[in-house]
Amino acid sequence: MFGALDNEGNASRDGLLAGRLVTYPLVHAVTVGALASAGFEVLATFRRPHFTIRLRTDSDAEASRLLDALGTARENPYNGEVQRHRGPRPL
């Protein structure tokens, strides 16, 4: 998981979507607060802005619980497939 830690630059929401996550046509956008409220622990791991979501077990039920907490996937507006489908982003 990558966390949008800054308002601008590589660690901002747009910076992550246009950079590290540009090849992903769909992404989940969830807050740390929502994950914590669902009972998940979010740990800073590796280099900034990478985080790990700790699961209590490796069961299908726990994975399903995480998917519920993540919510609906959204289109990444910076992904090329999404851009071709929607047309170019306005300047």
N, C-alpha and C. Protein backbone atom coordinates (compact mmCIF):
# COMPACT_ATOMS: atom_id res chain seq x y z
N MET A 1 0.85 -1.15 0.00
CA MET A 1 0.00 0.00 0.00
C MET A 1 0.90 1.22 0.00
N PHE A 2 0.48 2.23 -0.77
CA PHE A 2 1.20 3.49 -0.78
C PHE A 2 0.32 4.55 -0.15
N GLY A 3 0.91 5.36 0.71
CA GLY A 3 0.17 6.41 1.38
C GLY A 3 0.49 7.77 0.80
N ALA A 4 -0.54 8.55 0.48
CA ALA A 4 -0.36 9.91 0.00
C ALA A 4 -0.01 10.78 1.21
N LEU A 5 1.28 11.07 1.37
CA LEU A 5 1.78 11.75 2.56
C LEU A 5 1.94 13.25 2.39
N ASP A 6 2.00 13.70 1.13
CA ASP A 6 2.25 15.12 0.86
C ASP A 6 1.12 15.69 0.01
N ASN A 7 1.01 16.99 -0.02
CA ASN A 7 0.00 17.65 -0.85
C ASN A 7 0.43 17.74 -2.31
N GLU A 8 1.73 17.70 -2.56
CA GLU A 8 2.24 17.74 -3.93
C GLU A 8 3.53 16.96 -3.99
N GLY A 9 3.95 16.62 -5.21
CA GLY A 9 5.18 15.86 -5.39
C GLY A 9 4.91 14.37 -5.51
N ASN A 10 6.00 13.58 -5.50
CA ASN A 10 5.91 12.14 -5.71
C ASN A 10 5.09 11.41 -4.66
N ALA A 11 5.03 11.92 -3.43
CA ALA A 11 4.29 11.24 -2.36
C ALA A 11 2.88 11.82 -2.18
N SER A 12 2.43 12.62 -3.15
CA SER A 12 1.05 13.11 -3.10
C SER A 12 0.14 12.09 -3.80
N ARG A 13 -1.16 12.26 -3.65
CA ARG A 13 -2.11 11.35 -4.29
C ARG A 13 -1.87 11.34 -5.80
N ASP A 14 -1.84 12.51 -6.42
CA ASP A 14 -1.62 12.58 -7.87
C ASP A 14 -0.25 12.06 -8.26
N GLY A 15 0.76 12.36 -7.45
CA GLY A 15 2.11 11.87 -7.74
C GLY A 15 2.18 10.36 -7.73
N LEU A 16 1.51 9.72 -6.78
CA LEU A 16 1.49 8.26 -6.73
C LEU A 16 0.71 7.66 -7.90
N LEU A 17 -0.46 8.24 -8.20
CA LEU A 17 -1.28 7.72 -9.29
C LEU A 17 -0.58 7.87 -10.64
N ALA A 18 0.13 8.97 -10.84
CA ALA A 18 0.80 9.23 -12.11
C ALA A 18 2.18 8.57 -12.18
N GLY A 19 2.72 8.17 -11.03
CA GLY A 19 4.05 7.57 -10.97
C GLY A 19 4.01 6.08 -10.71
N ARG A 20 4.16 5.70 -9.47
CA ARG A 20 4.25 4.29 -9.08
C ARG A 20 3.04 3.46 -9.49
N LEU A 21 1.87 4.08 -9.54
CA LEU A 21 0.64 3.33 -9.80
C LEU A 21 0.08 3.57 -11.20
N VAL A 22 0.83 4.21 -12.08
CA VAL A 22 0.33 4.58 -13.40
C VAL A 22 -0.10 3.37 -14.23
N THR A 23 0.50 2.21 -14.01
CA THR A 23 0.15 1.02 -14.80
C THR A 23 -1.12 0.34 -14.30
N TYR A 24 -1.67 0.81 -13.19
CA TYR A 24 -2.88 0.21 -12.63
C TYR A 24 -4.11 0.99 -13.10
N PRO A 25 -5.00 0.34 -13.87
CA PRO A 25 -6.20 1.06 -14.32
C PRO A 25 -7.19 1.30 -13.19
N LEU A 26 -7.18 0.45 -12.17
CA LEU A 26 -8.08 0.60 -11.03
C LEU A 26 -7.27 0.62 -9.74
N VAL A 27 -7.66 1.48 -8.82
CA VAL A 27 -6.99 1.58 -7.52
C VAL A 27 -8.05 1.72 -6.42
N HIS A 28 -7.66 1.37 -5.22
CA HIS A 28 -8.51 1.60 -4.05
C HIS A 28 -7.97 2.81 -3.32
N ALA A 29 -8.84 3.74 -2.96
CA ALA A 29 -8.44 4.92 -2.20
C ALA A 29 -9.17 4.87 -0.87
N VAL A 30 -8.42 4.59 0.18
CA VAL A 30 -8.99 4.44 1.51
C VAL A 30 -8.11 5.19 2.50
N THR A 31 -8.70 5.69 3.57
CA THR A 31 -7.90 6.39 4.58
C THR A 31 -7.36 5.40 5.60
N VAL A 32 -6.29 5.79 6.26
CA VAL A 32 -5.74 4.98 7.34
C VAL A 32 -6.78 4.87 8.45
N GLY A 33 -7.53 5.95 8.70
CA GLY A 33 -8.57 5.93 9.71
C GLY A 33 -9.64 4.89 9.44
N ALA A 34 -10.04 4.75 8.17
CA ALA A 34 -11.04 3.75 7.82
C ALA A 34 -10.50 2.33 8.03
N LEU A 35 -9.23 2.12 7.69
CA LEU A 35 -8.63 0.80 7.92
C LEU A 35 -8.52 0.51 9.41
N ALA A 36 -8.12 1.50 10.19
CA ALA A 36 -8.00 1.32 11.64
C ALA A 36 -9.38 1.06 12.25
N SER A 37 -10.40 1.76 11.79
CA SER A 37 -11.76 1.54 12.30
C SER A 37 -12.25 0.14 11.99
N ALA A 38 -11.77 -0.43 10.89
CA ALA A 38 -12.14 -1.79 10.52
C ALA A 38 -11.30 -2.83 11.26
N GLY A 39 -10.36 -2.36 12.10
CA GLY A 39 -9.57 -3.28 12.91
C GLY A 39 -8.24 -3.68 12.31
N PHE A 40 -7.80 -2.99 11.27
CA PHE A 40 -6.52 -3.31 10.65
C PHE A 40 -5.42 -2.40 11.17
N GLU A 41 -4.24 -2.96 11.29
CA GLU A 41 -3.06 -2.18 11.69
C GLU A 41 -2.31 -1.79 10.43
N VAL A 42 -1.94 -0.53 10.31
CA VAL A 42 -1.20 -0.02 9.16
C VAL A 42 0.20 0.34 9.64
N LEU A 43 1.21 -0.31 9.05
CA LEU A 43 2.59 -0.16 9.49
C LEU A 43 3.44 0.48 8.40
N ALA A 44 4.23 1.46 8.75
CA ALA A 44 5.19 2.04 7.81
C ALA A 44 6.29 1.00 7.57
N THR A 45 6.49 0.62 6.30
CA THR A 45 7.48 -0.40 5.97
C THR A 45 8.28 0.04 4.75
N PHE A 46 9.48 -0.48 4.65
CA PHE A 46 10.36 -0.16 3.54
C PHE A 46 10.56 1.36 3.47
N ARG A 47 10.54 1.90 2.27
CA ARG A 47 10.80 3.33 2.13
C ARG A 47 9.50 4.11 1.96
N ARG A 48 9.53 5.32 2.41
CA ARG A 48 8.40 6.24 2.28
C ARG A 48 7.98 6.31 0.81
N PRO A 49 6.78 6.21 0.42
CA PRO A 49 5.53 6.21 1.17
C PRO A 49 4.87 4.83 1.25
N HIS A 50 5.65 3.76 1.44
CA HIS A 50 5.12 2.40 1.47
C HIS A 50 4.63 2.02 2.86
N PHE A 51 3.47 1.36 2.90
CA PHE A 51 2.88 0.87 4.14
C PHE A 51 2.42 -0.56 3.95
N THR A 52 2.32 -1.29 5.05
CA THR A 52 1.79 -2.65 5.05
C THR A 52 0.55 -2.69 5.92
N ILE A 53 -0.47 -3.39 5.42
CA ILE A 53 -1.68 -3.61 6.21
C ILE A 53 -1.55 -4.99 6.84
N ARG A 54 -1.56 -5.03 8.16
CA ARG A 54 -1.38 -6.30 8.85
C ARG A 54 -2.74 -6.99 9.01
N LEU A 55 -2.80 -8.23 8.53
CA LEU A 55 -3.99 -9.06 8.70
C LEU A 55 -3.83 -9.91 9.95
N ARG A 56 -4.93 -10.20 10.60
CA ARG A 56 -4.88 -11.03 11.81
C ARG A 56 -4.62 -12.50 11.48
N THR A 57 -5.18 -12.95 10.36
CA THR A 57 -5.00 -14.35 9.92
C THR A 57 -4.81 -14.35 8.41
N ASP A 58 -4.50 -15.53 7.87
CA ASP A 58 -4.37 -15.65 6.42
C ASP A 58 -5.61 -16.34 5.83
N SER A 59 -6.74 -16.12 6.45
CA SER A 59 -7.98 -16.79 6.02
C SER A 59 -8.69 -16.01 4.92
N ASP A 60 -9.56 -16.70 4.20
CA ASP A 60 -10.38 -16.05 3.19
C ASP A 60 -11.30 -15.01 3.83
N ALA A 61 -11.78 -15.29 5.02
CA ALA A 61 -12.66 -14.35 5.71
C ALA A 61 -11.93 -13.04 6.02
N GLU A 62 -10.67 -13.13 6.41
CA GLU A 62 -9.90 -11.92 6.71
C GLU A 62 -9.61 -11.14 5.43
N ALA A 63 -9.32 -11.84 4.35
CA ALA A 63 -9.10 -11.17 3.06
C ALA A 63 -10.38 -10.48 2.60
N SER A 64 -11.51 -11.12 2.80
CA SER A 64 -12.80 -10.53 2.45
C SER A 64 -13.08 -9.28 3.28
N ARG A 65 -12.72 -9.35 4.56
CA ARG A 65 -12.88 -8.20 5.45
C ARG A 65 -12.04 -7.02 4.97
N LEU A 66 -10.83 -7.30 4.52
CA LEU A 66 -9.96 -6.24 3.98
C LEU A 66 -10.56 -5.64 2.71
N LEU A 67 -11.04 -6.48 1.81
CA LEU A 67 -11.65 -5.97 0.59
C LEU A 67 -12.85 -5.08 0.90
N ASP A 68 -13.63 -5.48 1.89
CA ASP A 68 -14.76 -4.64 2.31
C ASP A 68 -14.28 -3.28 2.81
N ALA A 69 -13.20 -3.28 3.59
CA ALA A 69 -12.66 -2.03 4.14
C ALA A 69 -12.08 -1.14 3.04
N LEU A 70 -11.52 -1.74 2.00
CA LEU A 70 -10.94 -0.97 0.91
C LEU A 70 -12.00 -0.27 0.06
N GLY A 71 -13.18 -0.83 0.03
CA GLY A 71 -14.26 -0.22 -0.74
C GLY A 71 -14.12 -0.48 -2.23
N THR A 72 -14.90 0.24 -2.99
CA THR A 72 -14.94 0.07 -4.44
C THR A 72 -13.68 0.62 -5.10
N ALA A 73 -13.15 -0.14 -6.04
CA ALA A 73 -11.99 0.33 -6.81
C ALA A 73 -12.43 1.46 -7.73
N ARG A 74 -11.54 2.42 -7.93
CA ARG A 74 -11.82 3.58 -8.78
C ARG A 74 -10.83 3.61 -9.93
N GLU A 75 -11.22 4.23 -11.02
CA GLU A 75 -10.32 4.37 -12.15
C GLU A 75 -9.16 5.28 -11.79
N ASN A 76 -7.97 4.88 -12.21
CA ASN A 76 -6.79 5.73 -12.08
C ASN A 76 -6.77 6.66 -13.30
N PRO A 77 -7.03 7.95 -13.12
CA PRO A 77 -7.12 8.86 -14.27
C PRO A 77 -5.80 9.04 -15.02
N TYR A 78 -4.69 8.58 -14.47
CA TYR A 78 -3.39 8.71 -15.10
C TYR A 78 -3.00 7.48 -15.91
N ASN A 79 -3.75 6.40 -15.78
CA ASN A 79 -3.46 5.16 -16.50
C ASN A 79 -3.81 5.33 -17.97
N GLY A 80 -2.94 4.83 -18.85
CA GLY A 80 -3.15 4.97 -20.29
C GLY A 80 -4.43 4.33 -20.79
N GLU A 81 -4.80 3.15 -20.28
CA GLU A 81 -6.03 2.50 -20.71
C GLU A 81 -7.24 3.36 -20.34
N VAL A 82 -7.22 3.91 -19.15
CA VAL A 82 -8.32 4.75 -18.69
C VAL A 82 -8.38 6.01 -19.54
N GLN A 83 -7.23 6.59 -19.85
CA GLN A 83 -7.20 7.80 -20.66
C GLN A 83 -7.73 7.54 -22.07
N ARG A 84 -7.38 6.39 -22.66
CA ARG A 84 -7.87 6.06 -24.00
C ARG A 84 -9.38 5.88 -23.98
N HIS A 85 -9.88 5.29 -22.91
CA HIS A 85 -11.33 5.07 -22.78
C HIS A 85 -12.08 6.39 -22.60
N ARG A 86 -11.55 7.28 -21.80
CA ARG A 86 -12.20 8.55 -21.48
C ARG A 86 -11.82 9.69 -22.41
N GLY A 87 -10.68 9.57 -23.05
CA GLY A 87 -10.14 10.68 -23.84
C GLY A 87 -9.07 11.40 -23.03
N PRO A 88 -8.36 12.32 -23.65
CA PRO A 88 -7.25 13.00 -22.95
C PRO A 88 -7.77 13.86 -21.79
N ARG A 89 -6.93 13.97 -20.77
CA ARG A 89 -7.25 14.83 -19.61
C ARG A 89 -7.20 16.28 -20.05
N PRO A 90 -8.16 17.08 -19.61
CA PRO A 90 -8.09 18.51 -19.95
C PRO A 90 -6.90 19.17 -19.27
N LEU A 91 -6.33 20.14 -19.95
CA LEU A 91 -5.17 20.85 -19.38
C LEU A 91 -5.62 21.96 -18.46
